[in-house]
Amino acid sequence: MIAWHHFAFDELPVSPWRNGGGETREIFSFPAGSHDFDWRASIATIAQDGPFSVFPGIDRSITLLNGEGVHLQAPPEVDHLLNVTGEPFAFSGDSALSARLLGGVTTDFNIMTRRTECVSRVVTAQQHLHVTRENGGVVYVISGTWQQADGQPLRAGEGYYWSETAAASRQASVSLTPVDQAQRGLLLWAAITQ
């Protein structure tokens, strides 16, 4: 895949949370190296109940990857059970959100976008997914093994991210299909648009 950057969950840098309640593995932040990101993708491990950081001017989406999930609350605007793997939930980073574990440790995919610069759309697929380049994004395999048209496999815990538009690339889209239709495959796609 031209200009698509491969990553694996186990190889992402780990940043423990200041409150000790979990850790974040950053996939990508755009623009790269800037503290004030336009968009940021990461995978978080939530190990204990506690508050989420507030990000004024940022829209957020969280998707359960594994574990029993969390109860997200910011009364009166947010009261949501995040307990279905692969089901994204969008909320404002302006909210002082708290999370209560529904069981043990959970792992979640997070996408944050600065609302004055871009928006995200997060979808999951179990059969076939046609990924367009948009202005950036992330593809992540939650379960199963997926295959690109060229036969290149993408396994659970692996993904790709990109940060340029389709016009800047020679490859405008990619199709992904599960290798074994009998095995339950789940693929996440977070598209960044303006």
Protein backbone atom coordinates (compact mmCIF):
# COMPACT_ATOMS: atom_id res chain seq x y z
CA MET A 1 0.00 0.00 0.00
CA ILE A 2 1.61 3.21 -1.11
CA ALA A 3 1.97 5.82 1.68
CA TRP A 4 0.00 3.67 4.12
CA HIS A 5 1.97 3.10 7.31
CA HIS A 6 1.70 -0.31 8.94
CA PHE A 7 1.52 -0.63 12.73
CA ALA A 8 0.99 -3.40 15.27
CA PHE A 9 -0.56 -2.92 18.70
CA ASP A 10 2.40 -4.56 20.50
CA GLU A 11 4.87 -2.22 18.79
CA LEU A 12 3.13 1.10 19.59
CA PRO A 13 4.80 3.35 22.20
CA VAL A 14 3.09 3.15 25.62
CA SER A 15 2.34 6.24 27.74
CA PRO A 16 1.01 5.56 31.26
CA TRP A 17 -1.74 7.92 32.42
CA ARG A 18 -0.84 10.43 35.11
CA ASN A 19 -3.72 9.21 37.31
CA GLY A 20 -2.47 5.60 37.06
CA GLY A 21 -5.80 4.41 35.65
CA GLY A 22 -4.52 3.15 32.33
CA GLU A 23 -2.23 3.75 29.40
CA THR A 24 -2.35 5.06 25.84
CA ARG A 25 -0.65 3.71 22.74
CA GLU A 26 -0.55 6.47 20.15
CA ILE A 27 -1.01 5.32 16.56
CA PHE A 28 -0.63 8.69 14.88
CA SER A 29 -1.10 12.38 15.50
CA PHE A 30 -1.45 14.90 12.66
CA PRO A 31 0.44 17.06 12.01
CA ALA A 32 3.21 14.74 13.16
CA GLY A 33 5.24 16.11 16.06
CA SER A 34 2.80 18.94 16.83
CA HIS A 35 1.37 19.28 20.35
CA ASP A 36 -1.78 20.91 18.90
CA PHE A 37 -3.04 18.07 16.71
CA ASP A 38 -5.75 18.31 14.06
CA TRP A 39 -6.49 14.63 14.59
CA ARG A 40 -5.10 11.87 16.75
CA ALA A 41 -5.65 8.10 16.80
CA SER A 42 -4.73 5.89 19.74
CA ILE A 43 -5.56 2.72 21.62
CA ALA A 44 -6.19 3.06 25.35
CA THR A 45 -6.20 0.45 28.07
CA ILE A 46 -8.53 1.39 30.93
CA ALA A 47 -7.51 -0.42 34.12
CA GLN A 48 -9.60 1.39 36.75
CA ASP A 49 -12.55 3.72 37.16
CA GLY A 50 -11.83 7.41 36.75
CA PRO A 51 -12.16 10.61 34.74
CA PHE A 52 -11.26 11.10 31.10
CA SER A 53 -9.09 14.09 30.24
CA VAL A 54 -11.01 17.11 28.99
CA PHE A 55 -10.02 18.31 25.49
CA PRO A 56 -11.74 21.65 24.72
CA GLY A 57 -12.56 22.11 21.02
CA ILE A 58 -12.04 18.39 20.30
CA ASP A 59 -14.62 15.83 19.17
CA ARG A 60 -13.97 12.27 20.27
CA SER A 61 -15.01 8.76 19.30
CA ILE A 62 -14.33 5.63 21.36
CA THR A 63 -14.79 2.02 20.22
CA LEU A 64 -14.51 -1.02 22.48
CA LEU A 65 -11.87 -3.44 21.18
CA ASN A 66 -11.93 -6.00 24.00
CA GLY A 67 -13.03 -6.43 27.58
CA GLU A 68 -16.45 -6.04 29.19
CA GLY A 69 -16.58 -2.31 28.57
CA VAL A 70 -17.20 0.87 30.53
CA HIS A 71 -20.10 3.04 31.64
CA LEU A 72 -19.39 6.58 30.37
CA GLN A 73 -21.06 9.46 32.21
CA ALA A 74 -21.09 13.26 32.08
CA PRO A 75 -24.53 14.18 33.45
CA PRO A 76 -26.83 15.25 32.00
CA GLU A 77 -25.56 14.98 28.39
CA VAL A 78 -23.74 11.60 28.46
CA ASP A 79 -24.90 8.31 30.01
CA HIS A 80 -23.66 5.50 27.76
CA LEU A 81 -22.75 1.84 28.19
CA LEU A 82 -19.80 1.07 25.91
CA ASN A 83 -20.13 -2.70 26.01
CA VAL A 84 -20.40 -3.89 22.39
CA THR A 85 -17.12 -4.65 20.65
CA GLY A 86 -16.74 -2.60 17.46
CA GLU A 87 -19.59 -0.17 18.18
CA PRO A 88 -18.25 3.43 18.10
CA PHE A 89 -19.56 6.15 20.42
CA ALA A 90 -18.98 9.85 19.67
CA PHE A 91 -18.89 12.60 22.29
CA SER A 92 -17.53 16.09 22.87
CA GLY A 93 -14.05 16.38 24.36
CA ASP A 94 -15.41 19.45 26.20
CA SER A 95 -17.35 17.09 28.50
CA ALA A 96 -15.93 16.12 31.88
CA LEU A 97 -16.52 12.42 31.30
CA SER A 98 -15.99 9.65 33.83
CA ALA A 99 -15.64 5.94 33.12
CA ARG A 100 -16.69 3.04 35.35
CA LEU A 101 -15.44 -0.40 34.36
CA LEU A 102 -18.19 -2.98 33.79
CA GLY A 103 -15.76 -5.80 34.61
CA GLY A 104 -12.01 -6.07 34.17
CA VAL A 105 -9.57 -4.10 32.05
CA THR A 106 -10.81 -2.85 28.65
CA THR A 107 -8.99 -1.80 25.50
CA ASP A 108 -10.50 0.91 23.32
CA PHE A 109 -9.77 2.62 20.00
CA ASN A 110 -9.91 6.42 20.22
CA ILE A 111 -10.02 9.07 17.54
CA MET A 112 -9.91 12.79 18.36
CA THR A 113 -10.46 15.62 15.88
CA ARG A 114 -10.15 19.36 16.30
CA ARG A 115 -13.64 20.48 15.25
CA THR A 116 -12.39 23.63 13.50
CA GLU A 117 -10.14 21.51 11.24
CA CYS A 118 -11.73 18.13 10.50
CA VAL A 119 -14.25 15.46 11.48
CA SER A 120 -14.07 11.70 11.85
CA ARG A 121 -16.37 8.90 10.80
CA VAL A 122 -15.80 5.52 12.47
CA VAL A 123 -17.34 2.34 11.05
CA THR A 124 -16.79 -1.38 11.48
CA ALA A 125 -17.25 -4.24 9.02
CA GLN A 126 -17.57 -8.01 9.30
CA GLN A 127 -17.59 -8.98 5.61
CA HIS A 128 -16.03 -6.59 3.11
CA LEU A 129 -14.79 -3.03 3.47
CA HIS A 130 -13.92 -0.60 0.67
CA VAL A 131 -11.63 2.02 2.23
CA THR A 132 -11.26 5.39 0.52
CA ARG A 133 -8.34 7.66 1.32
CA GLU A 134 -10.24 10.75 2.54
CA ASN A 135 -7.84 13.26 4.20
CA GLY A 136 -6.40 10.64 6.50
CA GLY A 137 -7.45 7.77 8.66
CA VAL A 138 -6.81 4.45 10.32
CA VAL A 139 -7.75 0.85 9.55
CA TYR A 140 -7.43 -1.59 12.47
CA VAL A 141 -8.20 -5.31 12.64
CA ILE A 142 -10.16 -6.10 15.81
CA SER A 143 -10.48 -9.81 15.03
CA GLY A 144 -9.75 -12.28 12.28
CA THR A 145 -7.35 -11.97 9.37
CA TRP A 146 -8.18 -9.66 6.49
CA GLN A 147 -6.71 -9.55 3.02
CA GLN A 148 -6.08 -6.77 0.54
CA ALA A 149 -6.65 -7.25 -3.18
CA ASP A 150 -2.91 -7.92 -3.63
CA GLY A 151 -3.12 -10.81 -1.15
CA GLN A 152 -1.30 -8.98 1.66
CA PRO A 153 -2.74 -10.20 5.02
CA LEU A 154 -3.65 -7.93 7.92
CA ARG A 155 -4.08 -9.75 11.25
CA ALA A 156 -5.83 -8.94 14.53
CA GLY A 157 -3.92 -6.18 16.32
CA GLU A 158 -2.50 -4.76 13.09
CA GLY A 159 -3.50 -1.78 11.01
CA TYR A 160 -2.56 1.05 8.70
CA TYR A 161 -2.73 4.82 9.06
CA TRP A 162 -2.29 7.56 6.48
CA SER A 163 -2.40 11.34 6.50
CA GLU A 164 -2.55 12.54 2.91
CA THR A 165 -5.48 12.92 0.56
CA ALA A 166 -6.33 10.56 -2.26
CA ALA A 167 -5.26 13.24 -4.74
CA ALA A 168 -1.74 13.12 -3.29
CA SER A 169 -1.54 9.36 -3.64
CA ARG A 170 -1.44 7.02 -6.61
CA GLN A 171 -3.79 4.67 -4.75
CA ALA A 172 -7.22 6.19 -4.03
CA SER A 173 -8.85 3.19 -2.32
CA VAL A 174 -8.30 -0.31 -1.01
CA SER A 175 -10.67 -3.24 -0.56
CA LEU A 176 -10.32 -5.57 2.42
CA THR A 177 -12.05 -8.92 2.90
CA PRO A 178 -11.82 -11.53 5.67
CA VAL A 179 -9.62 -14.50 4.78
CA ASP A 180 -11.94 -17.02 6.47
CA GLN A 181 -15.63 -16.17 6.09
CA ALA A 182 -16.52 -18.75 8.77
CA GLN A 183 -14.32 -17.01 11.34
CA ARG A 184 -15.84 -13.86 12.85
CA GLY A 185 -13.72 -11.02 11.53
CA LEU A 186 -14.15 -7.42 12.63
CA LEU A 187 -12.40 -4.47 11.01
CA LEU A 188 -12.50 -0.82 12.12
CA TRP A 189 -12.08 2.17 9.80
CA ALA A 190 -11.74 5.75 11.04
CA ALA A 191 -11.95 8.22 8.15
CA ILE A 192 -10.86 11.85 8.55
CA THR A 193 -12.61 14.46 6.40
CA GLN A 194 -12.78 18.24 6.39
